[in-house]
């Protein structure tokens, strides 16, 4: 029926299958070859040079996402770069149109577009002005690099500025084999330039077995770490004077505040203030328009110095949040306030300033740090001590959260924590002024942010008499009276009260019931003070500060001195 045998048809199909298979292999080979060429092609292609007008920036081996500019042969760095990479504390005052730089030694005010500014609040001429270009603020390289110990090298070929922090060590190396710098840490990446053996490089970082290096001719890129031999570490000798705050060598600081509400501060010569080293009279208070009310008394300073005491004049914000905001948010007003304080320091021969800002808006948290940063170097320039009062941590915005304790602690010489008013005068609940567990927990929280040798523990020389009155409906009204040590002792004697020990507060305690009225006192005495001194020693704090002079009884300073001298 068929002229062609069946086996021939099968053979033909077999040949067709073999042919198709061979063609598929060839196509696959071609495809892989093409993919291989595409995949490895970048390895043979040189990276294109930056042809834009922008000057790219590399900081410590990392490319910055903003660019520098050059005008009249001068390079300018963007303010945003300076704040993000170099100094987060640098400020731009939009209202006053000026940059404010604070270092440990100096305060610079650089107005926009002007060569005349301020250095430590004195008129000063700068070589180049701050500029604004397309909405971005730019700072001149000269003298910015000197303020921050930066080195800047410009590669004209690549239009790149290379910036190093001179305070940081950098590893050096030598190329040991002819190779290429590449854009990415991989052999398939575009290459930037060739490097010859013995070429010296700076090694900025390592990524997946590749070094990011900078060569002596300004070229940068990734190089196989096996092609580099490590040599020495590049270090720059930065010599800066570090301000050493006053302290009584080998002893804790013992300070007391002296309350003064007039231009003449009462001088009490009757008490033997054993161990006292610093008095802080409440003399200076913020007023409207940046005026500082002055209650200082030169006769008091003369007496204190004759007795061997340092005088740290207290400057308060009058506990007025709106007044404080108006001052902190205005650069020119801050300047005027600082000028007045500096003049008072000189006029009254003060040894320091104690800053007592309370009841401040949370929104002014950063501005308060800025004010302290502007004030402190200028007081240090006069060799004056700067201390600041803070509360323990709590969730209250105006009385606790507005303190950036960590940043403030980096600036001031001493941070005095007001370790009292656990239960304040108008508290709805009777309780200790400063129970020992509350004080210790507060200290632990503060030590998370501030070094122990900067912390001075504030202690109370007062207590409160709590009066709980119950009406016929079971409602209790709570009131309090502040008592000095002598008045507290007199009240206990007059009421024939029994003193017991309260385990929870760690204090002696008195409770007297008269009809529907209950009187309670958590006593501040030798026992509670000795436990606070023990906390000071246990946590190796800088000292003790007492609120306030005049609230203690006559023998208390002698007892306090003995507690401090007692070995742990």
Protein backbone atom coordinates (compact mmCIF):
# COMPACT_ATOMS: atom_id res chain seq x y z
CA UNK A 1 0.00 0.00 0.00
CA UNK A 2 2.97 2.37 0.82
CA UNK A 3 5.94 2.76 -1.54
CA UNK A 4 8.32 3.97 1.31
CA UNK A 5 9.11 1.59 4.12
CA UNK A 6 8.07 2.60 7.65
CA UNK A 7 11.67 2.55 9.06
CA UNK A 8 12.65 5.40 6.72
CA UNK A 9 9.95 7.66 8.16
CA UNK A 10 11.20 7.03 11.68
CA UNK A 11 14.79 7.82 10.63
CA UNK A 12 13.72 11.09 9.16
CA UNK A 13 12.05 12.12 12.42
CA UNK A 14 15.17 11.19 14.34
CA UNK A 15 17.35 13.36 12.10
CA UNK A 16 14.92 16.28 12.53
CA UNK A 17 15.10 15.94 16.34
CA UNK A 18 18.92 15.93 16.32
CA UNK A 19 18.99 18.98 14.06
CA UNK A 20 16.57 20.85 16.32
CA UNK A 21 18.59 19.94 19.41
CA UNK A 22 21.81 21.19 17.82
CA UNK A 23 20.13 24.45 16.81
CA UNK A 24 18.80 24.92 20.37
CA UNK A 25 22.29 24.39 21.84
CA UNK A 26 23.74 26.89 19.42
CA UNK A 27 21.04 29.44 20.26
CA UNK A 28 21.58 28.89 23.98
CA UNK A 29 25.33 29.29 23.54
CA UNK A 30 24.84 32.51 21.64
CA UNK A 31 22.36 33.75 24.25
CA UNK A 32 24.75 33.04 27.12
CA UNK A 33 27.59 34.64 25.23
CA UNK A 34 25.52 37.77 24.69
CA UNK A 35 24.42 37.80 28.33
CA UNK A 36 28.00 37.26 29.44
CA UNK A 37 29.18 40.16 27.30
CA UNK A 38 26.38 42.35 28.65
CA UNK A 39 27.08 41.20 32.22
CA UNK A 40 30.84 41.70 32.12
CA UNK A 41 30.90 44.68 29.78
CA UNK A 42 30.91 47.29 32.60
CA UNK A 43 34.15 45.76 33.88
CA UNK A 44 35.86 46.93 30.68
CA UNK A 45 34.18 50.35 30.51
CA UNK A 46 35.59 53.40 32.25
CA UNK A 47 33.27 55.47 34.48
CA UNK A 48 32.34 58.80 32.97
CA UNK A 49 33.80 61.90 34.58
CA UNK A 50 31.44 64.29 36.37
CA UNK A 51 30.45 66.78 33.66
CA UNK A 52 27.85 68.74 35.63
CA UNK A 53 28.50 72.14 37.16
CA UNK A 54 27.93 70.71 40.64
CA UNK A 55 30.92 70.04 42.86
CA UNK A 56 30.41 66.62 44.39
CA UNK A 57 31.41 66.04 48.02
CA UNK A 58 32.90 63.02 49.75
CA UNK A 59 33.14 63.02 53.54
CA UNK A 60 35.29 60.32 55.16
CA UNK A 61 34.81 58.05 52.17
CA UNK A 62 31.06 58.58 51.81
CA UNK A 63 29.39 60.52 49.03
CA UNK A 64 27.25 63.38 50.29
CA UNK A 65 23.83 63.92 48.73
CA UNK A 66 24.33 67.68 48.45
CA UNK A 67 26.97 69.63 46.52
CA UNK A 68 29.41 72.44 47.16
CA UNK A 69 29.77 75.62 45.12
CA UNK A 70 32.67 77.80 44.04
CA UNK A 71 32.42 81.57 43.69
CA UNK A 72 35.33 83.93 42.99
CA UNK A 73 37.81 81.16 43.70
CA UNK A 74 36.29 80.37 47.10
CA UNK A 75 34.58 77.09 47.97
CA UNK A 76 31.37 77.04 50.00
CA UNK A 77 29.81 74.09 51.84
CA UNK A 78 26.05 73.73 52.25
CA UNK A 79 24.66 74.41 55.70
CA UNK A 80 22.62 71.20 55.53
CA UNK A 81 25.82 69.18 55.08
CA UNK A 82 27.50 70.91 58.02
CA UNK A 83 24.56 70.21 60.32
CA UNK A 84 24.11 66.58 59.25
CA UNK A 85 27.75 65.48 59.07
CA UNK A 86 29.91 67.92 61.03
CA UNK A 87 28.06 69.73 63.80
CA UNK A 88 24.42 69.02 64.71
CA UNK A 89 24.48 72.00 67.06
CA UNK A 90 25.13 74.59 64.35
CA UNK A 91 22.14 76.91 64.03
CA UNK A 92 20.58 78.98 61.29
CA UNK A 93 18.56 81.92 62.61
CA UNK A 94 16.01 82.53 59.87
CA UNK A 95 14.67 85.67 61.52
CA UNK A 96 18.10 87.23 62.05
CA UNK A 97 19.55 85.70 58.85
CA UNK A 98 22.72 84.45 60.47
CA UNK A 99 24.58 81.24 61.17
CA UNK A 100 25.55 80.57 64.79
CA UNK A 101 28.49 78.29 65.55
CA UNK A 102 29.36 77.32 69.11
CA UNK A 103 32.53 75.44 69.96
CA UNK A 104 33.99 74.61 73.36
CA UNK A 105 35.96 77.85 73.22
CA UNK A 106 34.12 80.29 70.97
CA UNK A 107 30.76 81.55 69.75
CA UNK A 108 30.49 82.84 66.16
CA UNK A 109 27.63 84.87 64.71
CA UNK A 110 27.94 85.02 60.89
CA UNK A 111 25.32 87.24 59.20
CA UNK A 112 24.17 86.43 55.68
CA UNK A 113 26.04 88.37 52.99
CA UNK A 114 28.19 90.36 55.43
CA UNK A 115 31.84 90.12 56.40
CA UNK A 116 31.19 91.78 59.76
CA UNK A 117 29.86 89.52 62.51
CA UNK A 118 30.54 88.63 66.12
CA UNK A 119 33.18 86.50 67.78
CA UNK A 120 32.38 85.93 71.45
CA UNK A 121 29.90 88.81 71.16
CA UNK A 122 32.62 91.22 70.05
CA UNK A 123 32.66 92.76 66.52
CA UNK A 124 34.76 90.63 64.19
CA UNK A 125 35.58 90.73 60.46
CA UNK A 126 35.34 87.49 58.49
CA UNK A 127 37.21 87.00 55.22
CA UNK A 128 34.22 85.66 53.29
CA UNK A 129 30.49 86.05 53.97
CA UNK A 130 27.78 83.44 54.28
CA UNK A 131 25.86 83.08 50.99
CA UNK A 132 22.40 82.00 49.88
CA UNK A 133 22.12 80.31 46.48
CA UNK A 134 18.82 78.98 45.15
CA UNK A 135 17.35 78.84 48.65
CA UNK A 136 20.31 76.96 50.16
CA UNK A 137 22.62 78.52 52.75
CA UNK A 138 26.35 78.06 52.09
CA UNK A 139 29.24 78.60 54.51
CA UNK A 140 32.73 79.57 53.30
CA UNK A 141 35.40 76.88 53.62
CA UNK A 142 37.69 79.53 55.06
CA UNK A 143 37.65 79.65 58.07
CA UNK A 144 34.99 76.95 58.67
CA UNK A 145 37.51 74.13 58.24
CA UNK A 146 39.63 75.54 61.05
CA UNK A 147 36.70 75.71 63.46
CA UNK A 148 36.09 71.99 63.02
CA UNK A 149 39.57 70.60 62.22
CA UNK A 150 38.71 69.55 58.68
CA UNK A 151 40.96 68.99 55.69
CA UNK A 152 39.54 69.74 52.23
CA UNK A 153 41.12 68.69 48.94
CA UNK A 154 39.69 69.61 45.55
CA UNK A 155 40.04 67.36 42.51
CA UNK A 156 39.59 69.71 39.56
CA UNK A 157 39.67 66.80 37.09
CA UNK A 158 36.64 65.13 38.71
CA UNK A 159 35.07 68.27 40.22
CA UNK A 160 35.06 66.69 43.69
CA UNK A 161 35.84 68.00 47.18
CA UNK A 162 37.27 65.39 49.56
CA UNK A 163 36.70 66.19 53.23
CA UNK A 164 38.42 64.50 56.18
CA UNK A 165 37.86 64.91 59.90
CA UNK A 166 41.39 65.48 61.21
CA UNK A 167 40.46 64.17 64.64
CA UNK A 168 39.79 60.70 63.18
CA UNK A 169 42.56 58.14 62.43
CA UNK A 170 42.82 56.87 58.83
CA UNK A 171 44.48 53.65 57.68
CA UNK A 172 47.18 53.98 55.01
CA UNK A 173 48.10 51.37 52.42
CA UNK A 174 50.25 50.63 49.33
CA UNK A 175 48.98 49.04 46.12
CA UNK A 176 50.99 45.85 45.46
CA UNK A 177 49.72 44.96 41.97
CA UNK A 178 48.56 46.81 38.86
CA UNK A 179 44.78 47.08 39.11
CA UNK A 180 41.80 49.37 38.62
CA UNK A 181 39.69 51.46 40.98
CA UNK A 182 36.04 50.58 40.46
CA UNK A 183 32.78 52.39 41.08
CA UNK A 184 31.23 49.49 43.01
CA UNK A 185 32.78 46.70 45.15
CA UNK A 186 32.66 44.09 42.35
CA UNK A 187 34.78 43.00 39.37
CA UNK A 188 31.91 43.67 36.96
CA UNK A 189 31.65 47.33 38.00
CA UNK A 190 32.78 50.24 35.79
CA UNK A 191 36.37 51.20 36.44
CA UNK A 192 37.42 54.73 37.33
CA UNK A 193 41.18 54.79 36.89
CA UNK A 194 44.19 52.52 36.92
CA UNK A 195 46.55 52.37 39.86
CA UNK A 196 50.13 51.20 39.66
CA UNK A 197 52.14 49.22 42.19
CA UNK A 198 53.63 51.29 45.07
CA UNK A 199 50.75 53.78 44.77
CA UNK A 200 49.88 55.09 48.27
CA UNK A 201 46.21 55.16 49.21
CA UNK A 202 44.04 56.08 52.18
CA UNK A 203 41.64 53.30 53.16
CA UNK A 204 38.31 54.79 54.25
CA UNK A 205 36.16 51.66 54.64
CA UNK A 206 35.76 47.99 53.66
CA UNK A 207 32.76 46.50 51.82
CA UNK A 208 32.55 42.78 50.96
CA UNK A 209 36.29 42.27 50.61
CA UNK A 210 36.88 45.58 48.80
CA UNK A 211 38.45 48.76 50.17
CA UNK A 212 37.11 52.19 49.36
CA UNK A 213 40.33 54.15 48.89
CA UNK A 214 41.49 57.63 48.05
CA UNK A 215 44.74 57.92 46.10
CA UNK A 216 47.27 60.72 46.34
CA UNK A 217 46.15 62.15 42.97
CA UNK A 218 42.57 62.60 44.21
CA UNK A 219 41.10 59.48 42.59
CA UNK A 220 38.62 57.43 44.62
CA UNK A 221 36.98 54.05 44.24
CA UNK A 222 36.88 50.42 45.29
CA UNK A 223 39.91 48.15 45.07
CA UNK A 224 40.27 44.45 45.83
CA UNK A 225 41.72 44.30 49.35
CA UNK A 226 44.15 41.62 48.19
CA UNK A 227 45.79 44.26 45.98
CA UNK A 228 46.65 46.49 48.96
CA UNK A 229 49.16 46.12 51.78
CA UNK A 230 48.33 47.97 55.00
CA UNK A 231 51.00 50.30 56.34
CA UNK A 232 50.63 52.91 59.10
CA UNK A 233 47.77 54.92 60.61
CA UNK A 234 47.47 58.58 59.66
CA UNK A 235 46.99 60.74 62.76
CA UNK A 236 46.91 64.52 63.05
CA UNK A 237 48.01 66.22 66.23
CA UNK A 238 45.12 68.41 67.32
CA UNK A 239 46.13 70.61 70.24
CA UNK A 240 43.20 72.18 72.03
CA UNK A 241 42.91 73.48 75.53
CA UNK A 242 40.28 71.59 77.49
CA UNK A 243 38.55 73.72 80.09
CA UNK A 244 38.98 72.29 83.57
CA UNK A 245 36.11 73.30 85.85
CA UNK A 246 36.82 74.37 89.39
CA UNK A 247 36.54 71.68 92.04
CA UNK A 248 37.97 71.20 95.51
CA UNK A 249 40.62 68.56 94.86
CA UNK A 250 39.96 65.36 96.74
CA UNK A 251 36.66 66.57 98.22
CA UNK A 252 33.06 66.78 97.08
CA UNK A 253 31.56 70.17 96.33
CA UNK A 254 29.30 71.46 99.12
CA UNK A 255 26.98 74.25 97.94
CA UNK A 256 24.03 76.05 99.42
CA UNK A 257 21.64 78.46 97.80
CA UNK A 258 21.16 81.83 99.48
CA UNK A 259 17.67 83.22 98.96
CA UNK A 260 17.68 86.95 98.27
CA UNK A 261 14.77 89.12 97.19
CA UNK A 262 16.33 92.55 97.54
CA UNK A 263 19.45 94.48 96.61
CA UNK A 264 20.97 93.77 100.00
CA UNK A 265 21.58 90.13 100.89
CA UNK A 266 21.57 89.29 104.57
CA UNK A 267 24.96 88.15 105.83
CA UNK A 268 24.63 85.65 108.67
CA UNK A 269 27.94 85.50 110.52
CA UNK A 270 26.58 83.59 113.51
CA UNK A 271 26.78 80.07 112.04
CA UNK A 272 29.91 78.03 111.56
CA UNK A 273 29.37 76.72 108.02
CA UNK A 274 31.68 73.73 108.31
CA UNK A 275 32.70 72.26 104.95
CA UNK A 276 30.79 74.79 102.84
CA UNK A 277 32.59 75.76 99.64
CA UNK A 278 30.07 77.52 97.39
CA UNK A 279 27.19 79.92 97.98
CA UNK A 280 24.69 80.61 95.21
CA UNK A 281 22.60 83.70 95.92
CA UNK A 282 19.35 84.10 93.93
CA UNK A 283 20.30 87.43 92.36
CA UNK A 284 19.50 87.49 88.64
CA UNK A 285 16.09 87.07 87.03
CA UNK A 286 14.87 87.27 83.45
CA UNK A 287 12.55 90.17 82.69
CA UNK A 288 10.75 91.46 79.58
CA UNK A 289 12.69 92.37 76.44
CA UNK A 290 15.76 90.47 77.60
CA UNK A 291 16.45 92.59 80.66
CA UNK A 292 18.03 90.81 83.60
CA UNK A 293 16.91 91.98 87.02
CA UNK A 294 19.96 92.43 89.23
CA UNK A 295 19.81 92.01 93.02
CA UNK A 296 23.54 91.40 93.47
CA UNK A 297 25.34 92.74 96.55
CA UNK A 298 29.11 93.33 96.41
CA UNK A 299 29.30 93.35 100.22
CA UNK A 300 28.00 89.78 100.29
CA UNK A 301 30.61 88.75 97.70
CA UNK A 302 33.38 90.35 99.74
CA UNK A 303 32.21 88.52 102.88
CA UNK A 304 31.97 85.18 101.02
CA UNK A 305 35.44 85.51 99.50
CA UNK A 306 36.88 86.48 102.87
CA UNK A 307 35.41 83.30 104.32
CA UNK A 308 36.89 81.27 101.45
CA UNK A 309 33.61 80.57 99.63
CA UNK A 310 33.05 80.72 95.90
CA UNK A 311 30.03 82.72 94.73
CA UNK A 312 27.91 81.32 91.88
CA UNK A 313 25.22 83.88 91.14
CA UNK A 314 21.89 82.24 90.30
CA UNK A 315 20.12 83.29 87.09
CA UNK A 316 16.48 82.24 86.83
CA UNK A 317 13.91 82.51 84.06
CA UNK A 318 11.42 83.80 86.64
CA UNK A 319 9.63 80.49 86.00
CA UNK A 320 7.65 82.24 83.25
CA UNK A 321 7.34 80.05 80.11
CA UNK A 322 6.18 82.84 77.79
CA UNK A 323 8.92 85.20 78.92
CA UNK A 324 11.42 82.39 78.47
CA UNK A 325 10.19 81.57 74.96
CA UNK A 326 10.51 85.21 73.88
CA UNK A 327 14.14 85.23 74.99
CA UNK A 328 15.21 81.81 73.74
CA UNK A 329 13.64 82.21 70.29
CA UNK A 330 15.31 85.54 69.51
CA UNK A 331 19.06 85.57 68.83
CA UNK A 332 19.52 89.28 69.50
CA UNK A 333 17.71 89.00 72.85
CA UNK A 334 19.82 86.00 73.83
CA UNK A 335 22.90 88.06 73.04
CA UNK A 336 21.71 90.91 75.27
CA UNK A 337 20.96 88.55 78.16
CA UNK A 338 24.40 86.94 77.90
CA UNK A 339 26.11 90.34 77.73
CA UNK A 340 24.39 91.40 80.96
CA UNK A 341 25.39 88.22 82.76
CA UNK A 342 28.99 88.60 81.63
CA UNK A 343 29.07 92.17 82.87
CA UNK A 344 27.62 91.15 86.25
CA UNK A 345 30.23 88.41 86.58
CA UNK A 346 32.95 91.02 86.17
CA UNK A 347 31.26 93.75 88.20
CA UNK A 348 30.64 91.58 91.25
CA UNK A 349 33.70 89.33 90.89
CA UNK A 350 31.54 86.20 90.71
CA UNK A 351 33.15 82.78 90.43
CA UNK A 352 30.37 81.27 88.37
CA UNK A 353 26.75 81.31 87.25
CA UNK A 354 24.09 78.84 88.34
CA UNK A 355 21.26 78.59 85.80
CA UNK A 356 17.82 77.83 87.22
CA UNK A 357 15.29 77.54 84.40
CA UNK A 358 11.99 75.95 85.39
CA UNK A 359 8.49 75.89 83.86
CA UNK A 360 9.64 76.01 80.22
CA UNK A 361 7.66 75.02 77.12
CA UNK A 362 8.62 71.67 75.62
CA UNK A 363 8.87 73.37 72.22
CA UNK A 364 11.83 75.38 73.58
CA UNK A 365 13.87 72.29 74.49
CA UNK A 366 16.45 72.71 71.69
CA UNK A 367 16.55 76.49 72.09
CA UNK A 368 17.45 76.12 75.77
CA UNK A 369 20.42 73.93 74.83
CA UNK A 370 21.46 76.53 72.27
CA UNK A 371 21.33 79.31 74.87
CA UNK A 372 23.54 77.29 77.23
CA UNK A 373 25.94 76.54 74.36
CA UNK A 374 26.24 80.26 73.62
CA UNK A 375 26.70 81.28 77.24
CA UNK A 376 29.10 78.63 78.52
CA UNK A 377 32.20 79.29 76.33
CA UNK A 378 32.06 82.98 77.20
CA UNK A 379 31.98 82.24 80.92
CA UNK A 380 34.79 79.72 80.48
CA UNK A 381 36.78 82.40 78.69
CA UNK A 382 36.61 84.31 81.99
CA UNK A 383 37.47 81.11 83.90
CA UNK A 384 34.03 81.00 85.51
CA UNK A 385 32.11 77.85 86.44
CA UNK A 386 28.77 77.04 84.80
CA UNK A 387 26.20 74.93 86.64
CA UNK A 388 22.58 74.20 85.81
CA UNK A 389 19.67 73.03 87.93
CA UNK A 390 17.41 70.24 86.63
CA UNK A 391 14.68 68.02 88.01
CA UNK A 392 14.59 64.26 88.02
CA UNK A 393 13.00 62.71 84.95
CA UNK A 394 9.22 62.67 84.77
CA UNK A 395 6.48 62.91 82.15
CA UNK A 396 5.66 66.52 82.99
CA UNK A 397 6.47 68.67 79.94
CA UNK A 398 7.03 72.09 81.51
CA UNK A 399 8.86 70.80 84.58
CA UNK A 400 10.91 67.88 83.28
CA UNK A 401 10.69 66.88 79.60
CA UNK A 402 11.99 70.24 78.36
CA UNK A 403 15.44 69.44 79.81
CA UNK A 404 17.66 67.68 77.28
CA UNK A 405 19.83 66.40 80.10
CA UNK A 406 22.29 64.58 77.86
CA UNK A 407 23.10 67.59 75.65
CA UNK A 408 23.04 70.05 78.55
CA UNK A 409 25.34 67.75 80.51
CA UNK A 410 27.84 67.83 77.65
CA UNK A 411 28.08 71.62 77.91
CA UNK A 412 27.84 72.70 81.55
CA UNK A 413 30.46 71.98 84.19
CA UNK A 414 28.00 70.70 86.77
CA UNK A 415 24.38 69.63 86.73
CA UNK A 416 22.61 70.11 90.05
CA UNK A 417 19.60 67.83 90.33
CA UNK A 418 16.87 69.21 92.56
CA UNK A 419 16.30 66.06 94.57
CA UNK A 420 13.25 67.36 96.42
CA UNK A 421 9.57 68.26 95.98
CA UNK A 422 8.56 64.67 95.32
CA UNK A 423 5.37 65.93 96.98
CA UNK A 424 5.18 69.66 96.32
CA UNK A 425 3.43 72.37 98.36
CA UNK A 426 0.06 72.04 96.61
CA UNK A 427 0.22 68.27 96.13
CA UNK A 428 -3.23 66.63 96.43
CA UNK A 429 -1.60 63.84 98.41
CA UNK A 430 0.53 64.09 101.54
CA UNK A 431 3.99 62.59 101.29
CA UNK A 432 7.72 63.01 101.71
CA UNK A 433 9.55 65.96 100.24
CA UNK A 434 12.20 63.50 99.08
CA UNK A 435 11.89 59.84 100.04
CA UNK A 436 15.12 57.87 99.74
CA UNK A 437 13.84 55.38 97.10
CA UNK A 438 12.55 58.27 94.98
CA UNK A 439 15.90 60.06 95.19
CA UNK A 440 17.93 56.96 94.31
CA UNK A 441 15.69 56.02 91.36
CA UNK A 442 15.90 59.60 90.10
CA UNK A 443 19.69 59.51 90.31
CA UNK A 444 19.84 56.28 88.34
CA UNK A 445 17.76 57.87 85.59
CA UNK A 446 19.95 60.96 85.45
CA UNK A 447 23.13 58.88 85.35
CA UNK A 448 21.91 57.38 82.07
CA UNK A 449 22.52 60.79 80.45
CA UNK A 450 25.06 62.66 82.57
CA UNK A 451 28.48 61.55 83.91
CA UNK A 452 28.54 61.03 87.67
CA UNK A 453 31.41 63.49 88.17
CA UNK A 454 29.22 66.28 86.78
CA UNK A 455 26.21 65.63 89.02
CA UNK A 456 25.62 67.48 92.28
CA UNK A 457 22.78 66.11 94.40
CA UNK A 458 20.36 68.77 95.60
CA UNK A 459 19.00 68.08 99.11
CA UNK A 460 16.29 69.79 101.18
CA UNK A 461 16.92 71.67 104.42
CA UNK A 462 13.14 71.90 104.85
CA UNK A 463 10.15 69.65 105.30
CA UNK A 464 6.41 70.01 105.07
CA UNK A 465 3.69 69.79 107.66
CA UNK A 466 0.75 68.08 105.96
CA UNK A 467 -2.75 68.84 107.19
CA UNK A 468 -5.50 66.41 106.20
CA UNK A 469 -9.00 67.56 107.13
CA UNK A 470 -11.92 65.17 106.77
CA UNK A 471 -15.48 66.48 106.45
CA UNK A 472 -18.58 64.59 107.47
CA UNK A 473 -18.95 63.01 104.01
CA UNK A 474 -15.58 61.25 104.02
CA UNK A 475 -13.90 63.83 101.78
CA UNK A 476 -10.36 64.79 102.74
CA UNK A 477 -8.80 68.19 102.06
CA UNK A 478 -4.98 68.30 101.94
CA UNK A 479 -2.93 71.38 102.75
CA UNK A 480 0.70 71.91 103.67
CA UNK A 481 3.07 74.33 105.36
CA UNK A 482 6.81 74.54 104.76
CA UNK A 483 8.84 74.19 107.94
CA UNK A 484 12.48 74.92 108.62
CA UNK A 485 14.37 72.42 110.76
CA UNK A 486 13.96 74.56 113.87
CA UNK A 487 10.23 75.12 113.32
CA UNK A 488 9.72 71.42 112.69
CA UNK A 489 11.47 70.55 115.95
CA UNK A 490 9.39 73.14 117.77
CA UNK A 491 6.13 71.80 116.31
CA UNK A 492 6.94 68.25 117.37
CA UNK A 493 7.76 69.43 120.88
CA UNK A 494 4.65 71.61 121.18
CA UNK A 495 2.40 68.75 120.05
CA UNK A 496 4.17 66.10 122.15
CA UNK A 497 4.43 63.97 119.01
CA UNK A 498 6.12 60.59 118.87
CA UNK A 499 8.76 60.02 116.19
CA UNK A 500 8.78 56.66 114.40
CA UNK A 501 10.73 55.25 111.48
CA UNK A 502 8.96 54.96 108.12
CA UNK A 503 10.45 52.03 106.21
CA UNK A 504 9.00 53.05 102.83
CA UNK A 505 10.47 56.55 102.78
CA UNK A 506 13.62 55.72 104.74
CA UNK A 507 12.87 58.67 107.03
CA UNK A 508 11.69 59.47 110.51
CA UNK A 509 7.99 60.20 110.60
CA UNK A 510 5.43 61.95 112.79
CA UNK A 511 1.65 61.66 112.73
CA UNK A 512 -0.74 63.44 115.08
CA UNK A 513 -4.52 63.13 114.96
CA UNK A 514 -6.78 65.83 116.44
CA UNK A 515 -10.47 65.28 115.82
CA UNK A 516 -11.10 65.20 112.07
CA UNK A 517 -7.63 66.59 111.32
CA UNK A 518 -4.49 64.52 110.82
CA UNK A 519 -1.02 66.10 110.82
CA UNK A 520 1.90 64.33 109.09
CA UNK A 521 5.60 65.13 108.77
CA UNK A 522 8.24 63.13 106.91
CA UNK A 523 11.25 64.50 108.73
CA UNK A 524 14.38 65.93 107.10
CA UNK A 525 17.05 65.49 109.76
CA UNK A 526 20.46 63.99 110.39
CA UNK A 527 19.21 60.51 109.48
CA UNK A 528 17.81 61.43 106.07
CA UNK A 529 20.79 63.67 105.31
CA UNK A 530 23.29 60.96 106.15
CA UNK A 531 21.52 58.60 103.73
CA UNK A 532 21.74 61.23 100.98
CA UNK A 533 25.44 61.71 101.64
CA UNK A 534 25.81 57.93 101.36
CA UNK A 535 24.10 58.06 97.95
CA UNK A 536 26.50 60.80 96.88
CA UNK A 537 29.44 58.60 97.85
CA UNK A 538 27.95 55.39 96.45
CA UNK A 539 27.44 56.90 92.99
CA UNK A 540 30.63 59.01 93.19
CA UNK A 541 28.82 62.27 92.54
CA UNK A 542 30.51 65.65 92.39
CA UNK A 543 28.87 66.93 95.55
CA UNK A 544 25.86 68.09 97.57
CA UNK A 545 23.76 71.27 97.18
CA UNK A 546 21.25 72.33 99.84
CA UNK A 547 18.07 74.35 99.42
CA UNK A 548 18.43 76.55 101.26
CA UNK A 549 20.70 78.40 103.69
CA UNK A 550 18.70 79.54 106.70
CA UNK A 551 16.39 76.52 106.82
CA UNK A 552 18.90 74.40 108.77
CA UNK A 553 19.39 74.49 112.54
CA UNK A 554 22.58 75.88 114.03
CA UNK A 555 24.49 72.61 114.51
CA UNK A 556 23.58 71.06 111.18
CA UNK A 557 26.62 72.24 109.18
CA UNK A 558 28.95 70.62 111.68
CA UNK A 559 26.98 67.37 111.42
CA UNK A 560 26.93 67.54 107.61
CA UNK A 561 30.68 68.11 107.53
CA UNK A 562 31.22 65.03 109.69
CA UNK A 563 29.00 62.94 107.41
CA UNK A 564 30.99 63.96 104.34
CA UNK A 565 34.36 63.37 106.00
CA UNK A 566 33.26 59.95 107.27
CA UNK A 567 34.79 57.17 105.22
CA UNK A 568 32.35 54.84 103.46
